[in-house]
N, C-alpha and C. Protein backbone atom coordinates (compact mmCIF):
# COMPACT_ATOMS: atom_id res chain seq x y z
N MET A 1 114.16 -8.51 151.94
CA MET A 1 115.21 -7.72 152.58
C MET A 1 114.60 -6.42 152.97
N ALA A 2 114.64 -6.01 154.28
CA ALA A 2 114.18 -4.77 154.75
C ALA A 2 115.21 -3.71 154.45
N GLY A 3 114.74 -2.55 154.27
CA GLY A 3 115.55 -1.32 153.98
C GLY A 3 116.35 -0.90 155.24
N TYR A 4 117.12 0.14 154.98
CA TYR A 4 117.93 0.72 156.07
C TYR A 4 117.08 2.00 156.57
N GLU A 5 117.27 2.26 157.88
CA GLU A 5 116.76 3.56 158.40
C GLU A 5 117.61 4.66 157.89
N LEU A 6 116.98 5.73 157.53
CA LEU A 6 117.67 6.85 157.06
C LEU A 6 117.71 8.04 158.09
N ARG A 7 118.82 8.57 158.40
CA ARG A 7 118.99 9.66 159.31
C ARG A 7 119.87 10.73 158.64
N ILE A 8 119.46 12.01 158.79
CA ILE A 8 120.22 13.10 158.19
C ILE A 8 120.54 14.03 159.36
N LYS A 9 121.87 14.31 159.46
CA LYS A 9 122.31 15.22 160.48
C LYS A 9 121.77 16.57 160.25
N PRO A 10 121.44 17.28 161.37
CA PRO A 10 120.83 18.68 161.12
C PRO A 10 121.80 19.65 160.24
N SER A 11 123.02 19.51 160.34
CA SER A 11 123.86 20.30 159.51
C SER A 11 123.74 19.92 158.08
N ALA A 12 123.50 18.71 157.74
CA ALA A 12 123.33 18.32 156.34
C ALA A 12 122.01 18.86 155.74
N VAL A 13 120.95 18.89 156.71
CA VAL A 13 119.64 19.47 156.25
C VAL A 13 119.89 20.93 155.89
N LYS A 14 120.61 21.64 156.73
CA LYS A 14 120.85 23.08 156.42
C LYS A 14 121.63 23.24 155.11
N GLU A 15 122.57 22.30 154.83
CA GLU A 15 123.37 22.43 153.65
C GLU A 15 122.38 22.17 152.45
N ILE A 16 121.45 21.30 152.51
CA ILE A 16 120.51 21.08 151.41
C ILE A 16 119.65 22.32 151.29
N GLU A 17 119.17 22.78 152.29
CA GLU A 17 118.25 23.95 152.28
C GLU A 17 118.95 25.13 151.67
N ARG A 18 120.27 25.25 151.80
CA ARG A 18 121.00 26.40 151.25
C ARG A 18 121.32 26.32 149.78
N LEU A 19 121.05 25.18 149.18
CA LEU A 19 121.40 25.02 147.80
C LEU A 19 120.53 25.99 147.02
N PRO A 20 121.17 26.61 146.00
CA PRO A 20 120.55 27.69 145.25
C PRO A 20 119.43 27.20 144.35
N ARG A 21 119.43 26.02 143.74
CA ARG A 21 118.42 25.64 142.76
C ARG A 21 117.49 24.56 143.37
N ARG A 22 116.22 24.84 143.23
CA ARG A 22 115.16 23.86 143.72
C ARG A 22 115.26 22.44 143.05
N GLU A 23 115.64 22.52 141.78
CA GLU A 23 115.79 21.24 141.13
C GLU A 23 116.99 20.34 141.61
N ASP A 24 118.13 21.10 141.99
CA ASP A 24 119.19 20.29 142.64
C ASP A 24 118.81 19.78 143.99
N ARG A 25 118.06 20.46 144.77
CA ARG A 25 117.51 20.12 146.04
C ARG A 25 116.73 18.77 145.84
N ARG A 26 115.80 18.79 144.93
CA ARG A 26 114.91 17.64 144.72
C ARG A 26 115.71 16.40 144.28
N ARG A 27 116.65 16.69 143.45
CA ARG A 27 117.48 15.43 142.94
C ARG A 27 118.36 14.91 144.12
N ILE A 28 118.86 15.76 144.97
CA ILE A 28 119.65 15.21 146.07
C ILE A 28 118.83 14.47 147.13
N VAL A 29 117.58 15.12 147.44
CA VAL A 29 116.70 14.45 148.30
C VAL A 29 116.27 13.14 147.79
N SER A 30 115.99 12.97 146.49
CA SER A 30 115.65 11.74 145.81
C SER A 30 116.80 10.72 146.05
N ARG A 31 117.95 11.16 145.80
CA ARG A 31 119.18 10.30 145.85
C ARG A 31 119.39 9.77 147.29
N ILE A 32 119.13 10.66 148.31
CA ILE A 32 119.31 10.30 149.63
C ILE A 32 118.22 9.19 149.99
N GLN A 33 117.07 9.48 149.59
CA GLN A 33 115.93 8.49 149.82
C GLN A 33 116.24 7.13 149.28
N ALA A 34 116.95 7.06 148.04
CA ALA A 34 117.27 5.77 147.53
C ALA A 34 118.34 5.06 148.30
N LEU A 35 119.13 5.77 149.15
CA LEU A 35 120.18 5.07 149.95
C LEU A 35 119.60 4.16 150.95
N ALA A 36 118.31 4.46 151.42
CA ALA A 36 117.62 3.55 152.46
C ALA A 36 117.45 2.19 151.79
N GLY A 37 117.26 2.05 150.52
CA GLY A 37 117.03 0.72 149.92
C GLY A 37 118.38 0.13 149.48
N THR A 38 119.27 0.91 148.93
CA THR A 38 120.57 0.43 148.46
C THR A 38 121.65 1.30 149.15
N PRO A 39 122.17 1.03 150.20
CA PRO A 39 123.21 1.98 150.93
C PRO A 39 124.42 2.10 150.14
N ARG A 40 124.81 1.09 149.23
CA ARG A 40 126.11 1.17 148.47
C ARG A 40 125.75 0.99 147.00
N PRO A 41 125.15 1.95 146.46
CA PRO A 41 124.69 1.89 145.05
C PRO A 41 125.94 1.92 144.10
N GLU A 42 125.63 1.50 142.86
CA GLU A 42 126.78 1.60 141.89
C GLU A 42 127.27 3.06 141.81
N GLY A 43 128.54 3.24 141.83
CA GLY A 43 129.14 4.59 141.84
C GLY A 43 129.49 5.18 143.21
N ALA A 44 129.07 4.52 144.30
CA ALA A 44 129.43 4.89 145.62
C ALA A 44 130.88 4.61 145.78
N VAL A 45 131.61 5.58 146.46
CA VAL A 45 133.04 5.41 146.68
C VAL A 45 133.29 5.44 148.12
N LYS A 46 134.08 4.55 148.67
CA LYS A 46 134.44 4.62 150.10
C LYS A 46 135.56 5.64 150.26
N LEU A 47 135.48 6.52 151.19
CA LEU A 47 136.47 7.50 151.41
C LEU A 47 137.63 6.94 152.15
N SER A 48 138.76 7.27 151.77
CA SER A 48 140.03 6.69 152.32
C SER A 48 140.18 7.21 153.71
N GLY A 49 140.55 6.31 154.65
CA GLY A 49 140.88 6.71 156.02
C GLY A 49 139.66 6.93 156.78
N GLN A 50 138.45 6.71 156.30
CA GLN A 50 137.20 6.93 157.04
C GLN A 50 136.27 5.79 156.79
N GLU A 51 135.20 5.62 157.61
CA GLU A 51 134.15 4.73 157.37
C GLU A 51 133.05 5.38 156.81
N GLN A 52 133.19 6.15 155.77
CA GLN A 52 132.21 6.92 155.11
C GLN A 52 132.26 6.65 153.61
N TYR A 53 131.12 6.92 152.86
CA TYR A 53 131.10 6.73 151.49
C TYR A 53 130.57 8.03 150.85
N ARG A 54 130.68 8.19 149.62
CA ARG A 54 130.16 9.32 148.90
C ARG A 54 129.49 8.96 147.57
N VAL A 55 128.49 9.58 147.33
CA VAL A 55 127.77 9.39 145.98
C VAL A 55 127.71 10.84 145.25
N ARG A 56 127.71 10.74 143.99
CA ARG A 56 127.60 11.97 143.12
C ARG A 56 126.16 12.28 142.80
N GLN A 57 125.83 13.53 142.80
CA GLN A 57 124.56 13.93 142.21
C GLN A 57 124.87 15.24 141.48
N GLY A 58 125.22 15.09 140.26
CA GLY A 58 125.56 16.26 139.47
C GLY A 58 126.94 16.79 139.99
N SER A 59 126.97 18.08 140.37
CA SER A 59 128.16 18.74 140.85
C SER A 59 128.25 18.59 142.38
N TYR A 60 127.29 17.96 142.92
CA TYR A 60 127.17 17.84 144.43
C TYR A 60 127.65 16.49 144.86
N ARG A 61 128.06 16.40 146.07
CA ARG A 61 128.47 15.13 146.70
C ARG A 61 127.55 14.91 148.03
N ILE A 62 127.24 13.67 148.25
CA ILE A 62 126.49 13.29 149.42
C ILE A 62 127.40 12.28 150.16
N VAL A 63 127.90 12.79 151.37
CA VAL A 63 128.80 11.96 152.26
C VAL A 63 127.96 11.32 153.36
N TYR A 64 128.07 10.01 153.53
CA TYR A 64 127.34 9.31 154.46
C TYR A 64 127.98 8.11 155.06
N SER A 65 127.55 7.54 156.16
CA SER A 65 128.09 6.38 156.77
C SER A 65 127.01 5.34 156.89
N VAL A 66 127.42 4.08 156.95
CA VAL A 66 126.48 2.96 156.98
C VAL A 66 126.85 2.14 158.12
N ASP A 67 125.78 1.73 158.96
CA ASP A 67 125.93 0.88 160.09
C ASP A 67 125.18 -0.39 159.73
N ASP A 68 125.84 -1.48 159.27
CA ASP A 68 125.08 -2.66 158.80
C ASP A 68 124.49 -3.45 159.96
N ALA A 69 125.10 -3.38 161.16
CA ALA A 69 124.61 -4.10 162.33
C ALA A 69 123.23 -3.42 162.75
N GLU A 70 123.09 -2.13 162.72
CA GLU A 70 121.90 -1.45 163.10
C GLU A 70 120.98 -1.17 161.95
N ARG A 71 121.53 -1.33 160.77
CA ARG A 71 120.78 -1.06 159.49
C ARG A 71 120.39 0.43 159.48
N ILE A 72 121.41 1.33 159.60
CA ILE A 72 121.23 2.68 159.54
C ILE A 72 122.14 3.33 158.56
N VAL A 73 121.65 4.33 157.78
CA VAL A 73 122.39 5.15 156.95
C VAL A 73 122.33 6.57 157.52
N VAL A 74 123.48 7.20 157.75
CA VAL A 74 123.44 8.56 158.31
C VAL A 74 124.15 9.40 157.33
N VAL A 75 123.40 10.42 156.77
CA VAL A 75 123.91 11.45 155.86
C VAL A 75 124.63 12.46 156.64
N VAL A 76 125.99 12.67 156.43
CA VAL A 76 126.81 13.51 157.24
C VAL A 76 126.98 14.88 156.62
N LYS A 77 127.07 14.92 155.36
CA LYS A 77 127.47 16.19 154.64
C LYS A 77 126.98 16.18 153.23
N VAL A 78 126.43 17.34 152.81
CA VAL A 78 126.01 17.51 151.42
C VAL A 78 126.66 18.80 150.93
N GLY A 79 127.22 18.79 149.79
CA GLY A 79 127.86 20.05 149.22
C GLY A 79 128.40 19.99 147.89
N HIS A 80 128.75 21.15 147.40
CA HIS A 80 129.37 21.23 146.06
C HIS A 80 130.70 20.46 146.04
N ARG A 81 131.11 19.82 144.99
CA ARG A 81 132.32 19.00 145.02
C ARG A 81 133.58 19.73 145.39
N ARG A 82 133.54 21.03 145.13
CA ARG A 82 134.86 21.83 145.42
C ARG A 82 134.91 22.05 146.98
N ASP A 83 133.78 21.96 147.69
CA ASP A 83 133.83 22.32 149.19
C ASP A 83 133.61 21.17 150.11
N VAL A 84 132.96 20.05 149.62
CA VAL A 84 132.41 19.06 150.50
C VAL A 84 133.60 18.37 151.39
N TYR A 85 134.67 18.22 150.90
CA TYR A 85 135.76 17.44 151.64
C TYR A 85 136.61 18.33 152.58
N ARG A 86 136.24 19.63 152.70
CA ARG A 86 137.05 20.49 153.60
C ARG A 86 136.55 20.48 154.95
């Protein structure tokens, strides 16, 4: 089974770059890269009313969408849990 193509919106890249701790950035990038192989890992939650999912990485959330027909995962937003859904 081939993996999914991974795309990250420019706004999500900026959100990752703004994270205060380098260790958090590394963990989030690693988690995003893992989505290419398994777009709906254990712990992924479908957001209600949207065709998007979220996964947790510590206090941060990664919000993304999956297009199974095109085999693409698009990371839409990355942020602290208190701010990411606003």
